[in-house]
Amino acid sequence: MLSLALQVPLRVAEGLVSGRDGPDGIRGTEDDSRIESVESAAALLGLSPDSNDLLGVSSTTLSVQSVGRCGELARGIRAVLRKGGGGSTLLEWREFVVE
């Protein structure tokens, strides 16, 4: 989507996303790198900072993950929320088994 919207090569867009997602490759975890400004995101994509109004570095969407353990068993919950209007709206809820 990023590649199409900004008209950059797919490998460039994938490089930005994988760099942001950190060494574990999972979005929303502690090892993620935060892209602090539109200018730095544009530079990583090879764009001029004022070349596209679609580029942004903040979001109202939040991913929360929790894992509970009891002895050998581990289960997790992942929720995607949209912040705004004085509260949050649940967009997605997934329960999973941790192996």
N, C-alpha and C. Protein backbone atom coordinates (compact mmCIF):
# COMPACT_ATOMS: atom_id res chain seq x y z
N MET A 1 0.82 -1.18 0.00
CA MET A 1 0.00 0.00 0.00
C MET A 1 0.87 1.26 0.00
N LEU A 2 1.87 1.28 0.85
CA LEU A 2 2.78 2.43 0.93
C LEU A 2 3.46 2.67 -0.43
N SER A 3 3.90 1.60 -1.06
CA SER A 3 4.55 1.70 -2.36
C SER A 3 3.62 2.31 -3.40
N LEU A 4 2.39 1.84 -3.44
CA LEU A 4 1.42 2.35 -4.42
C LEU A 4 1.03 3.80 -4.13
N ALA A 5 0.71 4.10 -2.88
CA ALA A 5 0.24 5.43 -2.52
C ALA A 5 1.30 6.50 -2.77
N LEU A 6 2.57 6.17 -2.48
CA LEU A 6 3.64 7.16 -2.60
C LEU A 6 4.45 7.01 -3.89
N GLN A 7 4.11 5.99 -4.67
CA GLN A 7 4.78 5.72 -5.94
C GLN A 7 6.29 5.56 -5.76
N VAL A 8 6.65 4.71 -4.81
CA VAL A 8 8.05 4.36 -4.60
C VAL A 8 8.19 2.86 -4.86
N PRO A 9 9.40 2.39 -5.20
CA PRO A 9 9.59 0.96 -5.43
C PRO A 9 9.20 0.14 -4.18
N LEU A 10 8.64 -1.03 -4.41
CA LEU A 10 8.20 -1.90 -3.32
C LEU A 10 9.34 -2.19 -2.35
N ARG A 11 10.53 -2.45 -2.85
CA ARG A 11 11.66 -2.77 -1.95
C ARG A 11 12.00 -1.59 -1.03
N VAL A 12 11.80 -0.37 -1.51
CA VAL A 12 12.05 0.82 -0.68
C VAL A 12 11.01 0.91 0.43
N ALA A 13 9.74 0.72 0.07
CA ALA A 13 8.66 0.76 1.08
C ALA A 13 8.84 -0.37 2.09
N GLU A 14 9.18 -1.56 1.63
CA GLU A 14 9.39 -2.69 2.54
C GLU A 14 10.57 -2.43 3.47
N GLY A 15 11.61 -1.76 2.97
CA GLY A 15 12.77 -1.41 3.79
C GLY A 15 12.39 -0.47 4.92
N LEU A 16 11.54 0.51 4.63
CA LEU A 16 11.08 1.44 5.66
C LEU A 16 10.30 0.69 6.74
N VAL A 17 9.38 -0.17 6.31
CA VAL A 17 8.55 -0.91 7.26
C VAL A 17 9.39 -1.88 8.08
N SER A 18 10.30 -2.62 7.45
CA SER A 18 11.10 -3.58 8.22
C SER A 18 12.04 -2.86 9.18
N GLY A 19 12.56 -1.70 8.78
CA GLY A 19 13.39 -0.91 9.69
C GLY A 19 12.60 -0.41 10.88
N ARG A 20 11.37 0.01 10.64
CA ARG A 20 10.50 0.50 11.72
C ARG A 20 10.13 -0.64 12.66
N ASP A 21 9.92 -1.84 12.11
CA ASP A 21 9.47 -2.98 12.92
C ASP A 21 10.56 -3.59 13.78
N GLY A 22 11.79 -3.16 13.62
CA GLY A 22 12.88 -3.62 14.48
C GLY A 22 13.37 -5.02 14.16
N PRO A 23 14.37 -5.50 14.91
CA PRO A 23 14.99 -6.80 14.65
C PRO A 23 14.04 -7.99 14.69
N ASP A 24 12.99 -7.94 15.53
CA ASP A 24 12.07 -9.10 15.58
C ASP A 24 11.08 -9.12 14.43
N GLY A 25 10.99 -8.03 13.65
CA GLY A 25 10.11 -7.99 12.49
C GLY A 25 8.64 -7.89 12.82
N ILE A 26 8.31 -7.64 14.08
CA ILE A 26 6.91 -7.57 14.51
C ILE A 26 6.58 -6.14 14.88
N ARG A 27 5.54 -5.61 14.26
CA ARG A 27 5.13 -4.24 14.53
C ARG A 27 4.54 -4.12 15.93
N GLY A 28 4.86 -3.03 16.60
CA GLY A 28 4.27 -2.73 17.89
C GLY A 28 4.95 -3.37 19.07
N THR A 29 6.20 -3.81 18.90
CA THR A 29 6.93 -4.41 20.02
C THR A 29 8.02 -3.44 20.49
N GLU A 30 8.66 -3.77 21.60
CA GLU A 30 9.61 -2.88 22.25
C GLU A 30 10.83 -2.54 21.41
N ASP A 31 11.21 -3.40 20.45
CA ASP A 31 12.43 -3.13 19.67
C ASP A 31 12.17 -2.27 18.44
N ASP A 32 10.95 -1.80 18.25
CA ASP A 32 10.62 -0.97 17.09
C ASP A 32 11.37 0.36 17.10
N SER A 33 11.66 0.86 15.91
CA SER A 33 12.27 2.17 15.75
C SER A 33 11.17 3.16 15.39
N ARG A 34 11.13 4.26 16.09
CA ARG A 34 10.12 5.28 15.81
C ARG A 34 10.66 6.25 14.76
N ILE A 35 9.88 6.50 13.74
CA ILE A 35 10.23 7.50 12.75
C ILE A 35 9.65 8.81 13.27
N GLU A 36 10.52 9.74 13.63
CA GLU A 36 10.13 10.93 14.38
C GLU A 36 9.51 12.04 13.55
N SER A 37 9.79 12.10 12.25
CA SER A 37 9.29 13.23 11.47
C SER A 37 8.97 12.81 10.03
N VAL A 38 8.13 13.60 9.39
CA VAL A 38 7.81 13.37 7.98
C VAL A 38 9.08 13.52 7.15
N GLU A 39 9.94 14.45 7.53
CA GLU A 39 11.19 14.67 6.80
C GLU A 39 12.07 13.42 6.82
N SER A 40 12.20 12.78 7.98
CA SER A 40 13.04 11.57 8.04
C SER A 40 12.40 10.41 7.29
N ALA A 41 11.08 10.28 7.35
CA ALA A 41 10.39 9.24 6.59
C ALA A 41 10.56 9.47 5.10
N ALA A 42 10.42 10.72 4.66
CA ALA A 42 10.60 11.05 3.25
C ALA A 42 12.01 10.72 2.79
N ALA A 43 12.99 11.05 3.62
CA ALA A 43 14.39 10.76 3.27
C ALA A 43 14.61 9.26 3.13
N LEU A 44 14.05 8.46 4.02
CA LEU A 44 14.19 7.00 3.95
C LEU A 44 13.54 6.43 2.69
N LEU A 45 12.53 7.12 2.19
CA LEU A 45 11.82 6.68 0.99
C LEU A 45 12.38 7.32 -0.29
N GLY A 46 13.36 8.21 -0.13
CA GLY A 46 13.93 8.88 -1.28
C GLY A 46 13.03 9.96 -1.85
N LEU A 47 12.17 10.55 -1.02
CA LEU A 47 11.23 11.58 -1.45
C LEU A 47 11.62 12.92 -0.86
N SER A 48 11.15 13.98 -1.48
CA SER A 48 11.31 15.31 -0.90
C SER A 48 10.25 15.45 0.19
N PRO A 49 10.56 16.10 1.33
CA PRO A 49 9.62 16.19 2.45
C PRO A 49 8.27 16.82 2.09
N ASP A 50 8.25 17.67 1.09
CA ASP A 50 6.99 18.33 0.72
C ASP A 50 6.37 17.74 -0.55
N SER A 51 6.85 16.55 -0.96
CA SER A 51 6.39 15.98 -2.23
C SER A 51 5.06 15.24 -2.13
N ASN A 52 4.60 14.91 -0.93
CA ASN A 52 3.39 14.12 -0.84
C ASN A 52 2.64 14.39 0.46
N ASP A 53 1.37 14.75 0.33
CA ASP A 53 0.54 15.01 1.50
C ASP A 53 0.07 13.74 2.19
N LEU A 54 0.31 12.57 1.59
CA LEU A 54 -0.14 11.31 2.18
C LEU A 54 0.80 10.79 3.26
N LEU A 55 1.99 11.33 3.33
CA LEU A 55 3.00 10.83 4.27
C LEU A 55 2.81 11.44 5.65
N GLY A 56 2.78 10.59 6.67
CA GLY A 56 2.66 11.04 8.06
C GLY A 56 3.39 10.08 8.98
N VAL A 57 3.65 10.51 10.21
CA VAL A 57 4.40 9.66 11.14
C VAL A 57 3.66 9.40 12.44
N SER A 58 2.43 9.83 12.55
CA SER A 58 1.67 9.54 13.76
C SER A 58 0.34 8.91 13.37
N SER A 59 -0.26 8.24 14.32
CA SER A 59 -1.48 7.51 14.04
C SER A 59 -2.40 7.53 15.25
N THR A 60 -3.68 7.39 14.99
CA THR A 60 -4.63 7.25 16.08
C THR A 60 -4.91 5.77 16.37
N THR A 61 -4.22 4.88 15.65
CA THR A 61 -4.42 3.45 15.83
C THR A 61 -3.33 2.89 16.73
N LEU A 62 -3.73 2.01 17.65
CA LEU A 62 -2.83 1.46 18.65
C LEU A 62 -3.02 -0.05 18.72
N SER A 63 -1.92 -0.79 18.79
CA SER A 63 -1.97 -2.24 18.95
C SER A 63 -1.48 -2.58 20.36
N VAL A 64 -2.26 -3.40 21.08
CA VAL A 64 -1.92 -3.80 22.44
C VAL A 64 -1.89 -5.32 22.49
N GLN A 65 -0.82 -5.87 23.08
CA GLN A 65 -0.71 -7.33 23.19
C GLN A 65 -0.40 -7.68 24.63
N SER A 66 -1.06 -8.72 25.12
CA SER A 66 -0.83 -9.20 26.48
C SER A 66 -0.73 -10.71 26.45
N VAL A 67 0.25 -11.25 27.20
CA VAL A 67 0.43 -12.70 27.30
C VAL A 67 0.37 -13.08 28.76
N GLY A 68 -0.45 -14.09 29.07
CA GLY A 68 -0.54 -14.61 30.43
C GLY A 68 0.02 -16.03 30.48
N ARG A 69 0.69 -16.36 31.55
CA ARG A 69 1.30 -17.68 31.70
C ARG A 69 0.88 -18.30 33.02
N CYS A 70 0.65 -19.60 32.97
CA CYS A 70 0.36 -20.38 34.16
C CYS A 70 1.04 -21.73 33.98
N GLY A 71 2.15 -21.90 34.66
CA GLY A 71 2.91 -23.12 34.48
C GLY A 71 3.40 -23.24 33.05
N GLU A 72 3.05 -24.32 32.38
CA GLU A 72 3.47 -24.58 30.99
C GLU A 72 2.56 -23.90 29.97
N LEU A 73 1.40 -23.44 30.39
CA LEU A 73 0.44 -22.84 29.46
C LEU A 73 0.68 -21.34 29.30
N ALA A 74 0.50 -20.87 28.06
CA ALA A 74 0.60 -19.44 27.78
C ALA A 74 -0.43 -19.07 26.72
N ARG A 75 -1.18 -18.04 26.99
CA ARG A 75 -2.21 -17.56 26.06
C ARG A 75 -2.04 -16.05 25.92
N GLY A 76 -2.43 -15.55 24.75
CA GLY A 76 -2.28 -14.13 24.51
C GLY A 76 -3.53 -13.51 23.94
N ILE A 77 -3.60 -12.22 24.06
CA ILE A 77 -4.67 -11.41 23.48
C ILE A 77 -3.99 -10.25 22.77
N ARG A 78 -4.45 -9.98 21.55
CA ARG A 78 -3.98 -8.82 20.80
C ARG A 78 -5.19 -7.99 20.42
N ALA A 79 -5.16 -6.72 20.73
CA ALA A 79 -6.26 -5.81 20.41
C ALA A 79 -5.73 -4.64 19.59
N VAL A 80 -6.53 -4.21 18.62
CA VAL A 80 -6.22 -3.01 17.85
C VAL A 80 -7.29 -1.99 18.19
N LEU A 81 -6.85 -0.81 18.62
CA LEU A 81 -7.76 0.24 19.08
C LEU A 81 -7.55 1.51 18.27
N ARG A 82 -8.61 2.28 18.13
CA ARG A 82 -8.50 3.62 17.54
C ARG A 82 -8.77 4.62 18.64
N LYS A 83 -7.81 5.52 18.89
CA LYS A 83 -7.94 6.54 19.92
C LYS A 83 -8.67 7.76 19.34
N GLY A 84 -9.44 8.41 20.20
CA GLY A 84 -10.08 9.65 19.77
C GLY A 84 -11.42 9.87 20.45
N GLY A 85 -11.88 11.09 20.44
CA GLY A 85 -13.17 11.42 21.02
C GLY A 85 -13.25 11.16 22.50
N GLY A 86 -12.13 11.24 23.22
CA GLY A 86 -12.15 11.03 24.65
C GLY A 86 -12.13 9.57 25.07
N GLY A 87 -11.96 8.66 24.12
CA GLY A 87 -11.93 7.24 24.45
C GLY A 87 -11.29 6.45 23.33
N SER A 88 -11.51 5.15 23.34
CA SER A 88 -10.96 4.26 22.31
C SER A 88 -12.05 3.37 21.76
N THR A 89 -11.92 3.01 20.49
CA THR A 89 -12.84 2.09 19.83
C THR A 89 -12.07 0.81 19.50
N LEU A 90 -12.62 -0.33 19.87
CA LEU A 90 -12.00 -1.61 19.58
C LEU A 90 -12.22 -1.96 18.11
N LEU A 91 -11.12 -2.12 17.35
CA LEU A 91 -11.20 -2.47 15.94
C LEU A 91 -11.02 -3.96 15.70
N GLU A 92 -10.19 -4.59 16.54
CA GLU A 92 -9.90 -6.02 16.37
C GLU A 92 -9.52 -6.63 17.69
N TRP A 93 -9.91 -7.89 17.91
CA TRP A 93 -9.58 -8.64 19.13
C TRP A 93 -9.21 -10.05 18.70
N ARG A 94 -8.00 -10.49 19.04
CA ARG A 94 -7.57 -11.84 18.71
C ARG A 94 -6.97 -12.51 19.92
N GLU A 95 -7.37 -13.74 20.14
CA GLU A 95 -6.77 -14.55 21.19
C GLU A 95 -5.90 -15.59 20.51
N PHE A 96 -4.76 -15.90 21.14
CA PHE A 96 -3.83 -16.84 20.50
C PHE A 96 -3.10 -17.67 21.55
N VAL A 97 -2.59 -18.80 21.09
CA VAL A 97 -1.81 -19.70 21.93
C VAL A 97 -0.34 -19.35 21.72
N VAL A 98 0.40 -19.20 22.81
CA VAL A 98 1.84 -18.95 22.73
C VAL A 98 2.54 -20.29 22.81
N GLU A 99 3.39 -20.54 21.84
CA GLU A 99 4.11 -21.83 21.81
C GLU A 99 5.54 -21.67 22.19
